[in-house]
C-alpha atoms as a PDB file:
ATOM      1  CA  UNK A   1     -39.831 -47.681  27.381  1.00  0.00           C
ATOM      2  CA  UNK A   2     -43.298 -48.665  28.323  1.00  0.00           C
ATOM      3  CA  UNK A   3     -42.056 -51.619  30.562  1.00  0.00           C
ATOM      4  CA  UNK A   4     -39.448 -49.327  32.186  1.00  0.00           C
ATOM      5  CA  UNK A   5     -42.192 -46.789  32.939  1.00  0.00           C
ATOM      6  CA  UNK A   6     -44.424 -49.705  34.329  1.00  0.00           C
ATOM      7  CA  UNK A   7     -41.438 -50.983  36.545  1.00  0.00           C
ATOM      8  CA  UNK A   8     -40.695 -47.528  37.808  1.00  0.00           C
ATOM      9  CA  UNK A   9     -44.418 -47.130  38.778  1.00  0.00           C
ATOM     10  CA  UNK A  10     -44.467 -50.528  40.434  1.00  0.00           C
ATOM     11  CA  UNK A  11     -41.383 -49.603  42.482  1.00  0.00           C
ATOM     12  CA  UNK A  12     -42.915 -46.301  43.491  1.00  0.00           C
ATOM     13  CA  UNK A  13     -46.137 -48.020  44.345  1.00  0.00           C
ATOM     14  CA  UNK A  14     -44.284 -50.520  46.544  1.00  0.00           C
ATOM     15  CA  UNK A  15     -42.622 -47.552  48.283  1.00  0.00           C
ATOM     16  CA  UNK A  16     -45.891 -45.773  48.888  1.00  0.00           C
ATOM     17  CA  UNK A  17     -47.420 -48.951  50.254  1.00  0.00           C
ATOM     18  CA  UNK A  18     -44.475 -49.442  52.552  1.00  0.00           C
ATOM     19  CA  UNK A  19     -44.916 -45.930  53.667  1.00  0.00           C
ATOM     20  CA  UNK A  20     -48.736 -46.529  54.385  1.00  0.00           C
ATOM     21  CA  UNK A  21     -48.008 -49.699  56.108  1.00  0.00           C
ATOM     22  CA  UNK A  22     -45.661 -47.953  58.575  1.00  0.00           C
ATOM     23  CA  UNK A  23     -48.177 -45.172  59.283  1.00  0.00           C
ATOM     24  CA  UNK A  24     -51.056 -47.721  59.733  1.00  0.00           C
ATOM     25  CA  UNK A  25     -48.888 -49.841  62.014  1.00  0.00           C
ATOM     26  CA  UNK A  26     -48.203 -46.746  64.155  1.00  0.00           C
ATOM     27  CA  UNK A  27     -51.864 -45.749  64.222  1.00  0.00           C
ATOM     28  CA  UNK A  28     -52.949 -49.315  65.086  1.00  0.00           C
ATOM     29  CA  UNK A  29     -50.435 -49.376  68.031  1.00  0.00           C
ATOM     30  CA  UNK A  30     -51.824 -46.057  69.278  1.00  0.00           C
ATOM     31  CA  UNK A  31     -55.520 -47.170  68.925  1.00  0.00           C
ATOM     32  CA  UNK A  32     -54.789 -50.558  70.405  1.00  0.00           C
ATOM     33  CA  UNK A  33     -53.293 -48.786  73.468  1.00  0.00           C
ATOM     34  CA  UNK A  34     -56.286 -46.428  73.803  1.00  0.00           C
ATOM     35  CA  UNK A  35     -58.740 -49.493  73.392  1.00  0.00           C
ATOM     36  CA  UNK A  36     -56.737 -51.293  76.104  1.00  0.00           C
ATOM     37  CA  UNK A  37     -57.011 -48.362  78.451  1.00  0.00           C
ATOM     38  CA  UNK A  38     -60.764 -47.797  77.559  1.00  0.00           C
ATOM     39  CA  UNK A  39     -61.434 -51.565  78.254  1.00  0.00           C
ATOM     40  CA  UNK A  40     -59.839 -51.376  81.632  1.00  0.00           C
ATOM     41  CA  UNK A  41     -61.872 -48.282  82.433  1.00  0.00           C
ATOM     42  CA  UNK A  42     -65.046 -49.987  81.304  1.00  0.00           C
ATOM     43  CA  UNK A  43     -64.297 -53.076  83.407  1.00  0.00           C
ATOM     44  CA  UNK A  44     -63.647 -50.858  86.381  1.00  0.00           C
ATOM     45  CA  UNK A  45     -66.832 -48.957  85.933  1.00  0.00           C
ATOM     46  CA  UNK A  46     -68.827 -52.152  85.362  1.00  0.00           C
ATOM     47  CA  UNK A  47     -67.387 -53.610  88.712  1.00  0.00           C
ATOM     48  CA  UNK A  48     -68.353 -50.392  90.577  1.00  0.00           C
ATOM     49  CA  UNK A  49     -71.782 -50.416  89.123  1.00  0.00           C
ATOM     50  CA  UNK A  50     -72.356 -54.044  90.077  1.00  0.00           C
ATOM     51  CA  UNK A  51     -71.456 -53.299  93.686  1.00  0.00           C
ATOM     52  CA  UNK A  52     -73.803 -50.444  93.813  1.00  0.00           C
ATOM     53  CA  UNK A  53     -76.543 -52.355  92.238  1.00  0.00           C
ATOM     54  CA  UNK A  54     -76.137 -55.182  94.883  1.00  0.00           C
ATOM     55  CA  UNK A  55     -76.282 -52.495  97.670  1.00  0.00           C
ATOM     56  CA  UNK A  56     -79.381 -50.889  96.136  1.00  0.00           C
ATOM     57  CA  UNK A  57     -80.916 -54.280  95.746  1.00  0.00           C
ATOM     58  CA  UNK A  58     -80.375 -55.020  99.356  1.00  0.00           C
ATOM     59  CA  UNK A  59     -81.697 -51.701 100.637  1.00  0.00           C
ATOM     60  CA  UNK A  60     -84.471 -50.887  98.161  1.00  0.00           C
ATOM     61  CA  UNK A  61     -85.545 -54.137  96.557  1.00  0.00           C
ATOM     62  CA  UNK A  62     -85.930 -55.186  93.013  1.00  0.00           C
ATOM     63  CA  UNK A  63     -89.365 -53.349  92.462  1.00  0.00           C
ATOM     64  CA  UNK A  64     -87.790 -49.953  93.499  1.00  0.00           C
ATOM     65  CA  UNK A  65     -84.865 -50.547  91.188  1.00  0.00           C
ATOM     66  CA  UNK A  66     -87.200 -51.271  88.248  1.00  0.00           C
ATOM     67  CA  UNK A  67     -89.518 -48.314  88.997  1.00  0.00           C
ATOM     68  CA  UNK A  68     -86.565 -45.938  88.874  1.00  0.00           C
ATOM     69  CA  UNK A  69     -85.060 -47.299  85.634  1.00  0.00           C
ATOM     70  CA  UNK A  70     -85.135 -44.785  82.694  1.00  0.00           C
ATOM     71  CA  UNK A  71     -87.899 -44.981  80.071  1.00  0.00           C
ATOM     72  CA  UNK A  72     -85.956 -43.556  77.208  1.00  0.00           C
ATOM     73  CA  UNK A  73     -82.815 -45.032  75.428  1.00  0.00           C
ATOM     74  CA  UNK A  74     -79.350 -43.660  75.564  1.00  0.00           C
ATOM     75  CA  UNK A  75     -78.190 -41.589  72.607  1.00  0.00           C
ATOM     76  CA  UNK A  76     -74.649 -42.248  71.194  1.00  0.00           C
ATOM     77  CA  UNK A  77     -72.790 -39.954  68.844  1.00  0.00           C
ATOM     78  CA  UNK A  78     -69.779 -41.452  67.040  1.00  0.00           C
ATOM     79  CA  UNK A  79     -66.971 -39.187  66.159  1.00  0.00           C
ATOM     80  CA  UNK A  80     -65.161 -40.365  63.033  1.00  0.00           C
ATOM     81  CA  UNK A  81     -61.469 -39.922  62.167  1.00  0.00           C
ATOM     82  CA  UNK A  82     -59.233 -41.493  59.626  1.00  0.00           C
ATOM     83  CA  UNK A  83     -55.608 -42.153  58.563  1.00  0.00           C
ATOM     84  CA  UNK A  84     -54.386 -42.867  55.059  1.00  0.00           C
ATOM     85  CA  UNK A  85     -57.829 -43.144  53.541  1.00  0.00           C
ATOM     86  CA  UNK A  86     -59.230 -45.415  56.284  1.00  0.00           C
ATOM     87  CA  UNK A  87     -62.304 -44.107  58.217  1.00  0.00           C
ATOM     88  CA  UNK A  88     -62.758 -45.361  61.696  1.00  0.00           C
ATOM     89  CA  UNK A  89     -64.421 -44.206  64.881  1.00  0.00           C
ATOM     90  CA  UNK A  90     -62.158 -42.060  67.033  1.00  0.00           C
ATOM     91  CA  UNK A  91     -64.414 -41.723  69.886  1.00  0.00           C
ATOM     92  CA  UNK A  92     -68.039 -41.984  71.012  1.00  0.00           C
ATOM     93  CA  UNK A  93     -70.089 -39.851  73.297  1.00  0.00           C
ATOM     94  CA  UNK A  94     -72.935 -41.317  75.175  1.00  0.00           C
ATOM     95  CA  UNK A  95     -75.845 -39.283  76.563  1.00  0.00           C
ATOM     96  CA  UNK A  96     -77.637 -41.673  78.883  1.00  0.00           C
ATOM     97  CA  UNK A  97     -81.103 -41.019  80.016  1.00  0.00           C
ATOM     98  CA  UNK A  98     -81.605 -39.659  83.535  1.00  0.00           C
ATOM     99  CA  UNK A  99     -83.167 -41.982  86.105  1.00  0.00           C
ATOM    100  CA  UNK A 100     -86.807 -41.565  87.015  1.00  0.00           C
ATOM    101  CA  UNK A 101     -87.663 -39.924  90.345  1.00  0.00           C
ATOM    102  CA  UNK A 102     -89.022 -42.843  92.383  1.00  0.00           C
ATOM    103  CA  UNK A 103     -87.452 -42.293  95.658  1.00  0.00           C
ATOM    104  CA  UNK A 104     -85.044 -44.877  97.101  1.00  0.00           C
ATOM    105  CA  UNK A 105     -81.905 -44.962  99.201  1.00  0.00           C
ATOM    106  CA  UNK A 106     -78.800 -43.167  98.286  1.00  0.00           C
ATOM    107  CA  UNK A 107     -77.376 -46.526  97.150  1.00  0.00           C
ATOM    108  CA  UNK A 108     -79.878 -46.503  94.318  1.00  0.00           C
ATOM    109  CA  UNK A 109     -78.851 -43.039  93.239  1.00  0.00           C
ATOM    110  CA  UNK A 110     -75.188 -44.062  93.305  1.00  0.00           C
ATOM    111  CA  UNK A 111     -76.115 -47.342  91.353  1.00  0.00           C
ATOM    112  CA  UNK A 112     -77.772 -45.300  88.678  1.00  0.00           C
ATOM    113  CA  UNK A 113     -74.755 -42.903  88.355  1.00  0.00           C
ATOM    114  CA  UNK A 114     -72.317 -45.831  88.296  1.00  0.00           C
ATOM    115  CA  UNK A 115     -74.310 -47.542  85.415  1.00  0.00           C
ATOM    116  CA  UNK A 116     -74.463 -44.293  83.485  1.00  0.00           C
ATOM    117  CA  UNK A 117     -70.652 -44.062  83.895  1.00  0.00           C
ATOM    118  CA  UNK A 118     -70.273 -47.769  82.855  1.00  0.00           C
ATOM    119  CA  UNK A 119     -72.453 -47.239  79.771  1.00  0.00           C
ATOM    120  CA  UNK A 120     -70.360 -44.265  78.668  1.00  0.00           C
ATOM    121  CA  UNK A 121     -67.203 -46.176  79.085  1.00  0.00           C
ATOM    122  CA  UNK A 122     -68.568 -49.277  77.243  1.00  0.00           C
ATOM    123  CA  UNK A 123     -69.611 -47.045  74.349  1.00  0.00           C
ATOM    124  CA  UNK A 124     -66.309 -45.521  74.116  1.00  0.00           C
ATOM    125  CA  UNK A 125     -64.548 -48.798  74.341  1.00  0.00           C
ATOM    126  CA  UNK A 126     -66.778 -50.188  71.692  1.00  0.00           C
ATOM    127  CA  UNK A 127     -65.752 -47.390  69.297  1.00  0.00           C
ATOM    128  CA  UNK A 128     -62.055 -47.770  69.905  1.00  0.00           C
ATOM    129  CA  UNK A 129     -62.433 -51.656  69.528  1.00  0.00           C
ATOM    130  CA  UNK A 130     -63.973 -51.123  66.210  1.00  0.00           C
ATOM    131  CA  UNK A 131     -61.311 -48.692  65.154  1.00  0.00           C
ATOM    132  CA  UNK A 132     -58.707 -51.324  65.938  1.00  0.00           C
ATOM    133  CA  UNK A 133     -60.458 -53.796  63.835  1.00  0.00           C
ATOM    134  CA  UNK A 134     -60.839 -51.518  60.811  1.00  0.00           C
ATOM    135  CA  UNK A 135     -57.318 -50.355  60.925  1.00  0.00           C
ATOM    136  CA  UNK A 136     -56.085 -53.962  61.416  1.00  0.00           C
ATOM    137  CA  UNK A 137     -57.931 -54.989  58.370  1.00  0.00           C
ATOM    138  CA  UNK A 138     -56.642 -52.164  56.309  1.00  0.00           C
ATOM    139  CA  UNK A 139     -53.005 -52.968  57.512  1.00  0.00           C
ATOM    140  CA  UNK A 140     -53.394 -56.664  56.384  1.00  0.00           C
ATOM    141  CA  UNK A 141     -54.801 -55.550  53.008  1.00  0.00           C
ATOM    142  CA  UNK A 142     -51.977 -53.079  52.585  1.00  0.00           C
ATOM    143  CA  UNK A 143     -49.279 -55.735  53.504  1.00  0.00           C
ATOM    144  CA  UNK A 144     -50.832 -58.155  50.963  1.00  0.00           C
ATOM    145  CA  UNK A 145     -50.797 -55.471  48.208  1.00  0.00           C
ATOM    146  CA  UNK A 146     -47.162 -54.537  49.014  1.00  0.00           C
ATOM    147  CA  UNK A 147     -46.126 -58.319  48.930  1.00  0.00           C
ATOM    148  CA  UNK A 148     -47.930 -58.779  45.575  1.00  0.00           C
ATOM    149  CA  UNK A 149     -46.165 -55.715  44.164  1.00  0.00           C
ATOM    150  CA  UNK A 150     -42.722 -56.638  45.456  1.00  0.00           C
ATOM    151  CA  UNK A 151     -42.846 -60.351  45.027  1.00  0.00           C
ATOM    152  CA  UNK A 152     -44.882 -60.677  41.879  1.00  0.00           C
ATOM    153  CA  UNK A 153     -45.332 -57.639  39.716  1.00  0.00           C
ATOM    154  CA  UNK A 154     -41.801 -55.998  40.064  1.00  0.00           C
ATOM    155  CA  UNK A 155     -39.971 -59.382  39.323  1.00  0.00           C
ATOM    156  CA  UNK A 156     -42.211 -59.990  36.409  1.00  0.00           C
ATOM    157  CA  UNK A 157     -41.529 -56.526  34.944  1.00  0.00           C
ATOM    158  CA  UNK A 158     -37.746 -56.959  35.667  1.00  0.00           C
ATOM    159  CA  UNK A 159     -37.781 -60.246  33.773  1.00  0.00           C
ATOM    160  CA  UNK A 160     -39.839 -58.759  30.993  1.00  0.00           C
ATOM    161  CA  UNK A 161     -37.366 -55.781  30.760  1.00  0.00           C
ATOM    162  CA  UNK A 162     -34.332 -58.149  30.885  1.00  0.00           C
ATOM    163  CA  UNK A 163     -35.898 -60.304  27.929  1.00  0.00           C
ATOM    164  CA  UNK A 164     -36.424 -57.123  25.875  1.00  0.00           C
ATOM    165  CA  UNK A 165     -32.772 -55.966  26.571  1.00  0.00           C
ATOM    166  CA  UNK A 166     -31.398 -59.457  25.598  1.00  0.00           C
ATOM    167  CA  UNK A 167     -33.514 -59.261  22.405  1.00  0.00           C
ATOM    168  CA  UNK A 168     -32.243 -55.817  21.574  1.00  0.00           C
ATOM    169  CA  UNK A 169     -28.626 -56.889  22.217  1.00  0.00           C
ATOM    170  CA  UNK A 170     -28.982 -59.870  19.937  1.00  0.00           C
ATOM    171  CA  UNK A 171     -30.404 -57.672  17.273  1.00  0.00           C
ATOM    172  CA  UNK A 172     -27.548 -55.196  17.633  1.00  0.00           C
ATOM    173  CA  UNK A 173     -25.111 -58.119  17.321  1.00  0.00           C
ATOM    174  CA  UNK A 174     -26.853 -59.503  14.307  1.00  0.00           C
ATOM    175  CA  UNK A 175     -27.075 -56.051  12.728  1.00  0.00           C
ATOM    176  CA  UNK A 176     -23.254 -55.481  13.534  1.00  0.00           C
ATOM    177  CA  UNK A 177     -22.335 -58.807  11.981  1.00  0.00           C
ATOM    178  CA  UNK A 178     -24.433 -58.147   8.834  1.00  0.00           C
ATOM    179  CA  UNK A 179     -22.796 -54.763   8.400  1.00  0.00           C
ATOM    180  CA  UNK A 180     -19.324 -56.373   8.769  1.00  0.00           C
ATOM    181  CA  UNK A 181     -20.206 -59.084   6.196  1.00  0.00           C
ATOM    182  CA  UNK A 182     -21.488 -56.390   3.899  1.00  0.00           C
ATOM    183  CA  UNK A 183     -18.320 -54.238   4.323  1.00  0.00           C
ATOM    184  CA  UNK A 184     -16.147 -57.433   3.694  1.00  0.00           C
ATOM    185  CA  UNK A 185     -18.233 -58.228   0.607  1.00  0.00           C
ATOM    186  CA  UNK A 186     -17.807 -54.832  -0.757  1.00  0.00           C
ATOM    187  CA  UNK A 187     -14.051 -54.856  -0.126  1.00  0.00           C
ATOM    188  CA  UNK A 188     -13.649 -58.173  -1.990  1.00  0.00           C
ATOM    189  CA  UNK A 189     -15.722 -57.004  -4.985  1.00  0.00           C
ATOM    190  CA  UNK A 190     -13.735 -53.850  -5.423  1.00  0.00           C
END
């Protein structure tokens, strides 16, 4: 009975791990698509920022660019989510500091705005890329556990149960044979 209960628990565990694996694979696919899109957005914003920086450098010079750079750091807030017990960043919001007022051309203003947009896109992409890593790792661990249960634990328990059943069958046969011999012995003596 104990082995049958353990075997039943192992099979149920394998089913749950299979279900978790399917859910995690779907979530990984969704996150990978979002990360791909956010990466493309980040690259687009970075290219645009580079173009505006070149224009600002040509019009205003390096000193003006450095004098208008922000003095404080950007603040990032990571929004966490999860699936099947795995926590991962779902999104990240970036609050970049504003540029210092130092004058300059409109190209410098657009360069600063483009760099703020690129920073926000980079932060969002970094959060989604980390989510993909975490979900991928959990999916690999789940697959390993499922294979261990299905390929090792369940067959071992099935073998153990089969050995116990063979042993019980042999004991039944021996007992039946002893009973027949005892009945034959009693019939001869009467």
